[in-house]
PDB file of N, CA and C in Angstrom:
ATOM      1  N   MET A   1       7.543  26.715  32.131  1.00  0.00           N
ATOM      2  CA  MET A   1       8.583  26.138  31.306  1.00  0.00           C
ATOM      3  C   MET A   1       8.315  24.652  31.047  1.00  0.00           C
ATOM      4  N   ASN A   2       7.897  23.945  32.092  1.00  0.00           N
ATOM      5  CA  ASN A   2       7.591  22.527  31.930  1.00  0.00           C
ATOM      6  C   ASN A   2       6.458  22.320  30.939  1.00  0.00           C
ATOM      7  N   ARG A   3       5.471  23.195  30.979  1.00  0.00           N
ATOM      8  CA  ARG A   3       4.340  23.069  30.068  1.00  0.00           C
ATOM      9  C   ARG A   3       4.789  23.211  28.614  1.00  0.00           C
ATOM     10  N   ILE A   4       5.691  24.138  28.366  1.00  0.00           N
ATOM     11  CA  ILE A   4       6.193  24.332  27.009  1.00  0.00           C
ATOM     12  C   ILE A   4       6.956  23.096  26.550  1.00  0.00           C
ATOM     13  N   PHE A   5       7.787  22.553  27.430  1.00  0.00           N
ATOM     14  CA  PHE A   5       8.560  21.362  27.102  1.00  0.00           C
ATOM     15  C   PHE A   5       7.636  20.183  26.811  1.00  0.00           C
ATOM     16  N   ILE A   6       6.619  20.006  27.647  1.00  0.00           N
ATOM     17  CA  ILE A   6       5.678  18.908  27.463  1.00  0.00           C
ATOM     18  C   ILE A   6       4.918  19.086  26.147  1.00  0.00           C
ATOM     19  N   ALA A   7       4.481  20.294  25.856  1.00  0.00           N
ATOM     20  CA  ALA A   7       3.767  20.551  24.608  1.00  0.00           C
ATOM     21  C   ALA A   7       4.665  20.280  23.401  1.00  0.00           C
ATOM     22  N   ALA A   8       5.937  20.682  23.489  1.00  0.00           N
ATOM     23  CA  ALA A   8       6.870  20.439  22.390  1.00  0.00           C
ATOM     24  C   ALA A   8       7.115  18.942  22.212  1.00  0.00           C
ATOM     25  N   ALA A   9       7.226  18.231  23.319  1.00  0.00           N
ATOM     26  CA  ALA A   9       7.452  16.782  23.245  1.00  0.00           C
ATOM     27  C   ALA A   9       6.258  16.070  22.630  1.00  0.00           C
ATOM     28  N   ILE A  10       5.063  16.466  23.019  1.00  0.00           N
ATOM     29  CA  ILE A  10       3.849  15.861  22.458  1.00  0.00           C
ATOM     30  C   ILE A  10       3.760  16.176  20.961  1.00  0.00           C
ATOM     31  N   GLY A  11       4.068  17.393  20.580  1.00  0.00           N
ATOM     32  CA  GLY A  11       4.055  17.768  19.167  1.00  0.00           C
ATOM     33  C   GLY A  11       5.055  16.956  18.357  1.00  0.00           C
ATOM     34  N   ALA A  12       6.237  16.752  18.906  1.00  0.00           N
ATOM     35  CA  ALA A  12       7.257  15.963  18.207  1.00  0.00           C
ATOM     36  C   ALA A  12       6.805  14.508  18.044  1.00  0.00           C
ATOM     37  N   LEU A  13       6.188  13.969  19.089  1.00  0.00           N
ATOM     38  CA  LEU A  13       5.691  12.593  19.004  1.00  0.00           C
ATOM     39  C   LEU A  13       4.590  12.476  17.961  1.00  0.00           C
ATOM     40  N   ALA A  14       3.717  13.468  17.924  1.00  0.00           N
ATOM     41  CA  ALA A  14       2.617  13.438  16.957  1.00  0.00           C
ATOM     42  C   ALA A  14       3.158  13.501  15.527  1.00  0.00           C
ATOM     43  N   LEU A  15       4.101  14.377  15.279  1.00  0.00           N
ATOM     44  CA  LEU A  15       4.679  14.477  13.942  1.00  0.00           C
ATOM     45  C   LEU A  15       5.470  13.230  13.592  1.00  0.00           C
ATOM     46  N   GLY A  16       6.166  12.688  14.552  1.00  0.00           N
ATOM     47  CA  GLY A  16       6.917  11.457  14.318  1.00  0.00           C
ATOM     48  C   GLY A  16       5.997  10.313  13.978  1.00  0.00           C
ATOM     49  N   GLY A  17       4.846  10.250  14.630  1.00  0.00           N
ATOM     50  CA  GLY A  17       3.878   9.196  14.351  1.00  0.00           C
ATOM     51  C   GLY A  17       3.333   9.291  12.944  1.00  0.00           C
ATOM     52  N   VAL A  18       3.079  10.503  12.478  1.00  0.00           N
ATOM     53  CA  VAL A  18       2.570  10.685  11.116  1.00  0.00           C
ATOM     54  C   VAL A  18       3.635  10.280  10.117  1.00  0.00           C
ATOM     55  N   ALA A  19       4.870  10.705  10.343  1.00  0.00           N
ATOM     56  CA  ALA A  19       5.947  10.339   9.432  1.00  0.00           C
ATOM     57  C   ALA A  19       6.140   8.823   9.431  1.00  0.00           C
ATOM     58  N   GLN A  20       6.031   8.221  10.588  1.00  0.00           N
ATOM     59  CA  GLN A  20       6.176   6.769  10.693  1.00  0.00           C
ATOM     60  C   GLN A  20       5.071   6.071   9.909  1.00  0.00           C
ATOM     61  N   ALA A  21       3.854   6.579   9.996  1.00  0.00           N
ATOM     62  CA  ALA A  21       2.738   5.980   9.255  1.00  0.00           C
ATOM     63  C   ALA A  21       2.969   6.104   7.759  1.00  0.00           C
ATOM     64  N   ASP A  22       3.512   7.248   7.320  1.00  0.00           N
ATOM     65  CA  ASP A  22       3.805   7.431   5.900  1.00  0.00           C
ATOM     66  C   ASP A  22       4.808   6.390   5.421  1.00  0.00           C
ATOM     67  N   ILE A  23       5.807   6.110   6.230  1.00  0.00           N
ATOM     68  CA  ILE A  23       6.787   5.088   5.879  1.00  0.00           C
ATOM     69  C   ILE A  23       6.097   3.739   5.789  1.00  0.00           C
ATOM     70  N   GLY A  24       5.172   3.475   6.713  1.00  0.00           N
ATOM     71  CA  GLY A  24       4.437   2.212   6.680  1.00  0.00           C
ATOM     72  C   GLY A  24       3.633   2.050   5.410  1.00  0.00           C
ATOM     73  N   ILE A  25       3.004   3.113   4.954  1.00  0.00           N
ATOM     74  CA  ILE A  25       2.218   3.065   3.722  1.00  0.00           C
ATOM     75  C   ILE A  25       3.135   2.794   2.538  1.00  0.00           C
ATOM     76  N   ASP A  26       4.241   3.515   2.467  1.00  0.00           N
ATOM     77  CA  ASP A  26       5.180   3.325   1.363  1.00  0.00           C
ATOM     78  C   ASP A  26       5.755   1.911   1.362  1.00  0.00           C
ATOM     79  N   THR A  27       6.069   1.405   2.545  1.00  0.00           N
ATOM     80  CA  THR A  27       6.609   0.050   2.664  1.00  0.00           C
ATOM     81  C   THR A  27       5.594  -0.979   2.203  1.00  0.00           C
ATOM     82  N   ARG A  28       4.350  -0.796   2.615  1.00  0.00           N
ATOM     83  CA  ARG A  28       3.295  -1.735   2.208  1.00  0.00           C
ATOM     84  C   ARG A  28       3.081  -1.696   0.698  1.00  0.00           C
ATOM     85  N   GLN A  29       3.095  -0.491   0.123  1.00  0.00           N
ATOM     86  CA  GLN A  29       2.912  -0.380  -1.328  1.00  0.00           C
ATOM     87  C   GLN A  29       4.044  -1.096  -2.062  1.00  0.00           C
ATOM     88  N   ALA A  30       5.276  -0.897  -1.604  1.00  0.00           N
ATOM     89  CA  ALA A  30       6.417  -1.556  -2.239  1.00  0.00           C
ATOM     90  C   ALA A  30       6.326  -3.074  -2.071  1.00  0.00           C
ATOM     91  N   ASP A  31       5.886  -3.530  -0.901  1.00  0.00           N
ATOM     92  CA  ASP A  31       5.750  -4.962  -0.658  1.00  0.00           C
ATOM     93  C   ASP A  31       4.696  -5.575  -1.578  1.00  0.00           C
ATOM     94  N   LEU A  32       3.589  -4.890  -1.755  1.00  0.00           N
ATOM     95  CA  LEU A  32       2.544  -5.399  -2.641  1.00  0.00           C
ATOM     96  C   LEU A  32       3.034  -5.458  -4.082  1.00  0.00           C
ATOM     97  N   GLN A  33       3.797  -4.456  -4.493  1.00  0.00           N
ATOM     98  CA  GLN A  33       4.341  -4.477  -5.857  1.00  0.00           C
ATOM     99  C   GLN A  33       5.320  -5.638  -6.012  1.00  0.00           C
ATOM    100  N   ARG A  34       6.118  -5.901  -4.987  1.00  0.00           N
ATOM    101  CA  ARG A  34       7.038  -7.049  -5.031  1.00  0.00           C
ATOM    102  C   ARG A  34       6.264  -8.362  -5.144  1.00  0.00           C
ATOM    103  N   GLN A  35       5.127  -8.447  -4.461  1.00  0.00           N
ATOM    104  CA  GLN A  35       4.315  -9.665  -4.548  1.00  0.00           C
ATOM    105  C   GLN A  35       3.770  -9.870  -5.953  1.00  0.00           C
ATOM    106  N   VAL A  36       3.351  -8.801  -6.590  1.00  0.00           N
ATOM    107  CA  VAL A  36       2.858  -8.901  -7.966  1.00  0.00           C
ATOM    108  C   VAL A  36       4.007  -9.324  -8.884  1.00  0.00           C
ATOM    109  N   ASP A  37       5.171  -8.725  -8.702  1.00  0.00           N
ATOM    110  CA  ASP A  37       6.336  -9.079  -9.514  1.00  0.00           C
ATOM    111  C   ASP A  37       6.733 -10.540  -9.303  1.00  0.00           C
ATOM    112  N   ALA A  38       6.670 -11.006  -8.058  1.00  0.00           N
ATOM    113  CA  ALA A  38       6.995 -12.403  -7.760  1.00  0.00           C
ATOM    114  C   ALA A  38       5.977 -13.334  -8.422  1.00  0.00           C
ATOM    115  N   GLY A  39       4.708 -12.931  -8.431  1.00  0.00           N
ATOM    116  CA  GLY A  39       3.674 -13.718  -9.105  1.00  0.00           C
ATOM    117  C   GLY A  39       3.918 -13.809 -10.597  1.00  0.00           C
ATOM    118  N   LYS A  40       4.462 -12.757 -11.166  1.00  0.00           N
ATOM    119  CA  LYS A  40       4.815 -12.763 -12.589  1.00  0.00           C
ATOM    120  C   LYS A  40       5.944 -13.761 -12.831  1.00  0.00           C
ATOM    121  N   ARG A  41       6.996 -13.654 -12.025  1.00  0.00           N
ATOM    122  CA  ARG A  41       8.158 -14.535 -12.212  1.00  0.00           C
ATOM    123  C   ARG A  41       7.808 -16.009 -12.008  1.00  0.00           C
ATOM    124  N   SER A  42       6.956 -16.272 -11.029  1.00  0.00           N
ATOM    125  CA  SER A  42       6.613 -17.668 -10.724  1.00  0.00           C
ATOM    126  C   SER A  42       5.554 -18.229 -11.665  1.00  0.00           C
ATOM    127  N   GLY A  43       4.891 -17.360 -12.413  1.00  0.00           N
ATOM    128  CA  GLY A  43       3.839 -17.807 -13.312  1.00  0.00           C
ATOM    129  C   GLY A  43       2.494 -17.969 -12.625  1.00  0.00           C
ATOM    130  N   LYS A  44       2.400 -17.533 -11.370  1.00  0.00           N
ATOM    131  CA  LYS A  44       1.126 -17.658 -10.649  1.00  0.00           C
ATOM    132  C   LYS A  44       0.113 -16.611 -11.079  1.00  0.00           C
ATOM    133  N   LEU A  45       0.582 -15.560 -11.747  1.00  0.00           N
ATOM    134  CA  LEU A  45      -0.314 -14.510 -12.234  1.00  0.00           C
ATOM    135  C   LEU A  45      -0.230 -14.430 -13.755  1.00  0.00           C
ATOM    136  N   SER A  46      -1.373 -14.375 -14.376  1.00  0.00           N
ATOM    137  CA  SER A  46      -1.408 -14.184 -15.828  1.00  0.00           C
ATOM    138  C   SER A  46      -1.169 -12.707 -16.140  1.00  0.00           C
ATOM    139  N   ILE A  47      -0.989 -12.414 -17.399  1.00  0.00           N
ATOM    140  CA  ILE A  47      -0.798 -11.021 -17.821  1.00  0.00           C
ATOM    141  C   ILE A  47      -2.025 -10.196 -17.445  1.00  0.00           C
ATOM    142  N   ARG A  48      -3.196 -10.748 -17.685  1.00  0.00           N
ATOM    143  CA  ARG A  48      -4.446 -10.038 -17.358  1.00  0.00           C
ATOM    144  C   ARG A  48      -4.514  -9.734 -15.865  1.00  0.00           C
ATOM    145  N   GLU A  49      -4.182 -10.711 -15.045  1.00  0.00           N
ATOM    146  CA  GLU A  49      -4.224 -10.513 -13.595  1.00  0.00           C
ATOM    147  C   GLU A  49      -3.203  -9.474 -13.143  1.00  0.00           C
ATOM    148  N   ARG A  50      -2.016  -9.513 -13.727  1.00  0.00           N
ATOM    149  CA  ARG A  50      -0.989  -8.519 -13.369  1.00  0.00           C
ATOM    150  C   ARG A  50      -1.455  -7.122 -13.738  1.00  0.00           C
ATOM    151  N   ASN A  51      -2.071  -6.991 -14.902  1.00  0.00           N
ATOM    152  CA  ASN A  51      -2.567  -5.679 -15.324  1.00  0.00           C
ATOM    153  C   ASN A  51      -3.632  -5.163 -14.355  1.00  0.00           C
ATOM    154  N   ILE A  52      -4.520  -6.048 -13.930  1.00  0.00           N
ATOM    155  CA  ILE A  52      -5.568  -5.670 -12.975  1.00  0.00           C
ATOM    156  C   ILE A  52      -4.946  -5.211 -11.658  1.00  0.00           C
ATOM    157  N   LEU A  53      -3.990  -5.991 -11.153  1.00  0.00           N
ATOM    158  CA  LEU A  53      -3.364  -5.672  -9.860  1.00  0.00           C
ATOM    159  C   LEU A  53      -2.524  -4.409  -9.949  1.00  0.00           C
ATOM    160  N   ASN A  54      -1.790  -4.241 -11.037  1.00  0.00           N
ATOM    161  CA  ASN A  54      -0.990  -3.021 -11.188  1.00  0.00           C
ATOM    162  C   ASN A  54      -1.879  -1.792 -11.277  1.00  0.00           C
ATOM    163  N   ALA A  55      -3.023  -1.909 -11.942  1.00  0.00           N
ATOM    164  CA  ALA A  55      -3.967  -0.783 -12.010  1.00  0.00           C
ATOM    165  C   ALA A  55      -4.515  -0.468 -10.625  1.00  0.00           C
ATOM    166  N   GLU A  56      -4.795  -1.508  -9.842  1.00  0.00           N
ATOM    167  CA  GLU A  56      -5.291  -1.300  -8.482  1.00  0.00           C
ATOM    168  C   GLU A  56      -4.245  -0.580  -7.623  1.00  0.00           C
ATOM    169  N   LEU A  57      -2.983  -0.986  -7.746  1.00  0.00           N
ATOM    170  CA  LEU A  57      -1.918  -0.336  -6.978  1.00  0.00           C
ATOM    171  C   LEU A  57      -1.709   1.109  -7.436  1.00  0.00           C
ATOM    172  N   ARG A  58      -1.851   1.362  -8.744  1.00  0.00           N
ATOM    173  CA  ARG A  58      -1.744   2.747  -9.239  1.00  0.00           C
ATOM    174  C   ARG A  58      -2.871   3.614  -8.698  1.00  0.00           C
ATOM    175  N   ARG A  59      -4.098   3.040  -8.640  1.00  0.00           N
ATOM    176  CA  ARG A  59      -5.239   3.800  -8.090  1.00  0.00           C
ATOM    177  C   ARG A  59      -4.972   4.188  -6.636  1.00  0.00           C
ATOM    178  N   ILE A  60      -4.420   3.259  -5.867  1.00  0.00           N
ATOM    179  CA  ILE A  60      -4.111   3.552  -4.466  1.00  0.00           C
ATOM    180  C   ILE A  60      -3.071   4.660  -4.390  1.00  0.00           C
ATOM    181  N   ALA A  61      -2.033   4.585  -5.212  1.00  0.00           N
ATOM    182  CA  ALA A  61      -0.992   5.623  -5.225  1.00  0.00           C
ATOM    183  C   ALA A  61      -1.574   6.972  -5.632  1.00  0.00           C
ATOM    184  N   ASN A  62      -2.512   6.963  -6.585  1.00  0.00           N
ATOM    185  CA  ASN A  62      -3.142   8.218  -7.016  1.00  0.00           C
ATOM    186  C   ASN A  62      -4.001   8.818  -5.908  1.00  0.00           C
ATOM    187  N   VAL A  63      -4.737   7.977  -5.178  1.00  0.00           N
ATOM    188  CA  VAL A  63      -5.544   8.468  -4.060  1.00  0.00           C
ATOM    189  C   VAL A  63      -4.629   9.070  -3.006  1.00  0.00           C
ATOM    190  N   GLU A  64      -3.539   8.387  -2.708  1.00  0.00           N
ATOM    191  CA  GLU A  64      -2.594   8.920  -1.721  1.00  0.00           C
ATOM    192  C   GLU A  64      -2.036  10.270  -2.177  1.00  0.00           C
ATOM    193  N   ALA A  65      -1.676  10.377  -3.459  1.00  0.00           N
ATOM    194  CA  ALA A  65      -1.141  11.636  -3.988  1.00  0.00           C
ATOM    195  C   ALA A  65      -2.172  12.755  -3.892  1.00  0.00           C
ATOM    196  N   GLU A  66      -3.436  12.436  -4.181  1.00  0.00           N
ATOM    197  CA  GLU A  66      -4.492  13.449  -4.077  1.00  0.00           C
ATOM    198  C   GLU A  66      -4.675  13.904  -2.635  1.00  0.00           C
ATOM    199  N   LEU A  67      -4.622  12.957  -1.703  1.00  0.00           N
ATOM    200  CA  LEU A  67      -4.778  13.317  -0.295  1.00  0.00           C
ATOM    201  C   LEU A  67      -3.596  14.145   0.186  1.00  0.00           C
ATOM    202  N   ARG A  68      -2.410  13.811  -0.280  1.00  0.00           N
ATOM    203  CA  ARG A  68      -1.214  14.569   0.112  1.00  0.00           C
ATOM    204  C   ARG A  68      -1.203  15.962  -0.515  1.00  0.00           C
ATOM    205  N   ALA A  69      -1.878  16.123  -1.641  1.00  0.00           N
ATOM    206  CA  ALA A  69      -1.908  17.426  -2.311  1.00  0.00           C
ATOM    207  C   ALA A  69      -2.606  18.478  -1.445  1.00  0.00           C
ATOM    208  N   ARG A  70      -3.484  18.027  -0.555  1.00  0.00           N
ATOM    209  CA  ARG A  70      -4.171  18.955   0.353  1.00  0.00           C
ATOM    210  C   ARG A  70      -3.231  19.467   1.417  1.00  0.00           C
ATOM    211  N   GLY A  71      -2.247  18.692   1.740  1.00  0.00           N
ATOM    212  CA  GLY A  71      -1.264  19.016   2.771  1.00  0.00           C
ATOM    213  C   GLY A  71      -0.246  17.896   2.759  1.00  0.00           C
ATOM    214  N   ASN A  72       0.945  18.142   3.248  1.00  0.00           N
ATOM    215  CA  ASN A  72       2.006  17.143   3.131  1.00  0.00           C
ATOM    216  C   ASN A  72       1.725  15.884   3.942  1.00  0.00           C
ATOM    217  N   ASN A  73       1.072  16.031   5.093  1.00  0.00           N
ATOM    218  CA  ASN A  73       0.824  14.883   5.961  1.00  0.00           C
ATOM    219  C   ASN A  73      -0.590  14.355   5.782  1.00  0.00           C
ATOM    220  N   LEU A  74      -0.732  13.063   6.011  1.00  0.00           N
ATOM    221  CA  LEU A  74      -2.042  12.432   5.942  1.00  0.00           C
ATOM    222  C   LEU A  74      -2.695  12.465   7.315  1.00  0.00           C
ATOM    223  N   SER A  75      -3.990  12.670   7.347  1.00  0.00           N
ATOM    224  CA  SER A  75      -4.717  12.601   8.612  1.00  0.00           C
ATOM    225  C   SER A  75      -4.887  11.130   8.985  1.00  0.00           C
ATOM    226  N   GLU A  76      -5.306  10.879  10.206  1.00  0.00           N
ATOM    227  CA  GLU A  76      -5.546   9.502  10.632  1.00  0.00           C
ATOM    228  C   GLU A  76      -6.625   8.856   9.764  1.00  0.00           C
ATOM    229  N   ARG A  77      -7.633   9.631   9.422  1.00  0.00           N
ATOM    230  CA  ARG A  77      -8.712   9.127   8.559  1.00  0.00           C
ATOM    231  C   ARG A  77      -8.166   8.732   7.185  1.00  0.00           C
ATOM    232  N   ASP A  78      -7.293   9.581   6.641  1.00  0.00           N
ATOM    233  CA  ASP A  78      -6.679   9.281   5.348  1.00  0.00           C
ATOM    234  C   ASP A  78      -5.838   8.009   5.433  1.00  0.00           C
ATOM    235  N   GLU A  79      -5.081   7.874   6.520  1.00  0.00           N
ATOM    236  CA  GLU A  79      -4.245   6.689   6.707  1.00  0.00           C
ATOM    237  C   GLU A  79      -5.102   5.430   6.794  1.00  0.00           C
ATOM    238  N   ARG A  80      -6.215   5.522   7.505  1.00  0.00           N
ATOM    239  CA  ARG A  80      -7.113   4.364   7.600  1.00  0.00           C
ATOM    240  C   ARG A  80      -7.701   4.025   6.235  1.00  0.00           C
ATOM    241  N   ARG A  81      -8.055   5.046   5.477  1.00  0.00           N
ATOM    242  CA  ARG A  81      -8.631   4.827   4.144  1.00  0.00           C
ATOM    243  C   ARG A  81      -7.626   4.123   3.234  1.00  0.00           C
ATOM    244  N   ILE A  82      -6.396   4.628   3.217  1.00  0.00           N
ATOM    245  CA  ILE A  82      -5.372   4.006   2.383  1.00  0.00           C
ATOM    246  C   ILE A  82      -5.037   2.618   2.911  1.00  0.00           C
ATOM    247  N   GLY A  83      -4.994   2.474   4.227  1.00  0.00           N
ATOM    248  CA  GLY A  83      -4.732   1.165   4.822  1.00  0.00           C
ATOM    249  C   GLY A  83      -5.781   0.144   4.410  1.00  0.00           C
ATOM    250  N   ALA A  84      -7.036   0.548   4.385  1.00  0.00           N
ATOM    251  CA  ALA A  84      -8.111  -0.355   3.968  1.00  0.00           C
ATOM    252  C   ALA A  84      -7.966  -0.720   2.493  1.00  0.00           C
ATOM    253  N   MET A  85      -7.560   0.242   1.676  1.00  0.00           N
ATOM    254  CA  MET A  85      -7.347  -0.037   0.260  1.00  0.00           C
ATOM    255  C   MET A  85      -6.184  -1.016   0.071  1.00  0.00           C
ATOM    256  N   LEU A  86      -5.125  -0.833   0.864  1.00  0.00           N
ATOM    257  CA  LEU A  86      -3.977  -1.738   0.786  1.00  0.00           C
ATOM    258  C   LEU A  86      -4.348  -3.138   1.269  1.00  0.00           C
ATOM    259  N   ASP A  87      -5.186  -3.211   2.310  1.00  0.00           N
ATOM    260  CA  ASP A  87      -5.661  -4.516   2.796  1.00  0.00           C
ATOM    261  C   ASP A  87      -6.442  -5.244   1.696  1.00  0.00           C
ATOM    262  N   ALA A  88      -7.304  -4.499   1.009  1.00  0.00           N
ATOM    263  CA  ALA A  88      -8.100  -5.090  -0.071  1.00  0.00           C
ATOM    264  C   ALA A  88      -7.192  -5.553  -1.213  1.00  0.00           C
ATOM    265  N   ALA A  89      -6.182  -4.758  -1.531  1.00  0.00           N
ATOM    266  CA  ALA A  89      -5.244  -5.140  -2.585  1.00  0.00           C
ATOM    267  C   ALA A  89      -4.484  -6.406  -2.195  1.00  0.00           C
ATOM    268  N   GLN A  90      -4.095  -6.498  -0.922  1.00  0.00           N
ATOM    269  CA  GLN A  90      -3.399  -7.690  -0.438  1.00  0.00           C
ATOM    270  C   GLN A  90      -4.271  -8.937  -0.607  1.00  0.00           C
ATOM    271  N   ARG A  91      -5.540  -8.826  -0.230  1.00  0.00           N
ATOM    272  CA  ARG A  91      -6.463  -9.955  -0.395  1.00  0.00           C
ATOM    273  C   ARG A  91      -6.634 -10.313  -1.870  1.00  0.00           C
ATOM    274  N   HIS A  92      -6.705  -9.293  -2.710  1.00  0.00           N
ATOM    275  CA  HIS A  92      -6.895  -9.503  -4.142  1.00  0.00           C
ATOM    276  C   HIS A  92      -5.674 -10.217  -4.742  1.00  0.00           C
ATOM    277  N   ILE A  93      -4.483  -9.801  -4.358  1.00  0.00           N
ATOM    278  CA  ILE A  93      -3.263 -10.441  -4.843  1.00  0.00           C
ATOM    279  C   ILE A  93      -3.252 -11.914  -4.429  1.00  0.00           C
ATOM    280  N   ARG A  94      -3.541 -12.156  -3.170  1.00  0.00           N
ATOM    281  CA  ARG A  94      -3.550 -13.530  -2.660  1.00  0.00           C
ATOM    282  C   ARG A  94      -4.571 -14.379  -3.424  1.00  0.00           C
ATOM    283  N   GLN A  95      -5.756 -13.807  -3.640  1.00  0.00           N
ATOM    284  CA  GLN A  95      -6.827 -14.529  -4.340  1.00  0.00           C
ATOM    285  C   GLN A  95      -6.408 -14.882  -5.768  1.00  0.00           C
ATOM    286  N   LEU A  96      -5.838 -13.918  -6.480  1.00  0.00           N
ATOM    287  CA  LEU A  96      -5.475 -14.168  -7.871  1.00  0.00           C
ATOM    288  C   LEU A  96      -4.278 -15.110  -7.997  1.00  0.00           C
ATOM    289  N   LYS A  97      -3.366 -15.063  -7.032  1.00  0.00           N
ATOM    290  CA  LYS A  97      -2.229 -15.984  -7.074  1.00  0.00           C
ATOM    291  C   LYS A  97      -2.670 -17.429  -6.812  1.00  0.00           C
ATOM    292  N   GLN A  98      -3.776 -17.595  -6.120  1.00  0.00           N
ATOM    293  CA  GLN A  98      -4.221 -18.939  -5.752  1.00  0.00           C
ATOM    294  C   GLN A  98      -5.273 -19.517  -6.689  1.00  0.00           C
ATOM    295  N   ASN A  99      -5.702 -18.741  -7.674  1.00  0.00           N
ATOM    296  CA  ASN A  99      -6.701 -19.293  -8.587  1.00  0.00           C
ATOM    297  C   ASN A  99      -6.024 -20.182  -9.633  1.00  0.00           C
ATOM    298  N   ARG A 100      -6.781 -20.708 -10.529  1.00  0.00           N
ATOM    299  CA  ARG A 100      -6.243 -21.685 -11.487  1.00  0.00           C
ATOM    300  C   ARG A 100      -5.695 -21.034 -12.759  1.00  0.00           C
ATOM    301  N   GLU A 101      -5.882 -19.746 -12.914  1.00  0.00           N
ATOM    302  CA  GLU A 101      -5.348 -19.055 -14.093  1.00  0.00           C
ATOM    303  C   GLU A 101      -3.846 -18.861 -13.895  1.00  0.00           C
ATOM    304  N   ARG A 102      -3.078 -19.156 -14.909  1.00  0.00           N
ATOM    305  CA  ARG A 102      -1.621 -19.079 -14.799  1.00  0.00           C
ATOM    306  C   ARG A 102      -1.034 -18.251 -15.931  1.00  0.00           C
ATOM    307  N   GLY A 103       0.159 -17.764 -15.685  1.00  0.00           N
ATOM    308  CA  GLY A 103       0.907 -17.022 -16.694  1.00  0.00           C
ATOM    309  C   GLY A 103       1.707 -17.978 -17.568  1.00  0.00           C
ATOM    310  N   ARG A 104       2.548 -17.437 -18.399  1.00  0.00           N
ATOM    311  CA  ARG A 104       3.335 -18.233 -19.345  1.00  0.00           C
ATOM    312  C   ARG A 104       4.197 -19.288 -18.670  1.00  0.00           C
ATOM    313  N   THR A 105       4.835 -18.933 -17.575  1.00  0.00           N
ATOM    314  CA  THR A 105       5.751 -19.868 -16.931  1.00  0.00           C
ATOM    315  C   THR A 105       5.040 -20.773 -15.937  1.00  0.00           C
ATOM    316  N   GLY A 106       3.734 -20.560 -15.748  1.00  0.00           N
ATOM    317  CA  GLY A 106       2.992 -21.358 -14.792  1.00  0.00           C
ATOM    318  C   GLY A 106       2.495 -22.661 -15.396  1.00  0.00           C
ATOM    319  N   ILE A 107       2.053 -23.513 -14.538  1.00  0.00           N
ATOM    320  CA  ILE A 107       1.518 -24.796 -14.965  1.00  0.00           C
ATOM    321  C   ILE A 107       0.026 -24.615 -15.245  1.00  0.00           C
ATOM    322  N   HIS A 108      -0.433 -25.121 -16.359  1.00  0.00           N
ATOM    323  CA  HIS A 108      -1.857 -25.046 -16.704  1.00  0.00           C
ATOM    324  C   HIS A 108      -2.522 -26.344 -16.309  1.00  0.00           C
ATOM    325  N   PHE A 109      -3.594 -26.270 -15.576  1.00  0.00           N
ATOM    326  CA  PHE A 109      -4.309 -27.474 -15.111  1.00  0.00           C
ATOM    327  C   PHE A 109      -5.501 -27.747 -15.977  1.00  0.00           C
TER     328      PHE A 109
END
């Protein structure tokens, strides 16, 4: 009986961890989109840069959708792959916000 309980508890923890990771991915994607939107409002991103970043975020969402199409949950490998893509997008957003190209409301140097 104890073995069954322990196995059920481990299974619940494993499923909870996957669901938690999915929430983390969704949260990160939403945060990155908010950063792009904030760059638009502040003028730190030009239209061209916003288009590039939005396309990058769409590609990440499409990869996630393709991986989920195989099964509802993502494997650890899939999570790492998407995490690496999100990390790269974060660096790209930061890089483009800090360059000298500006949008309409930004200051031109």
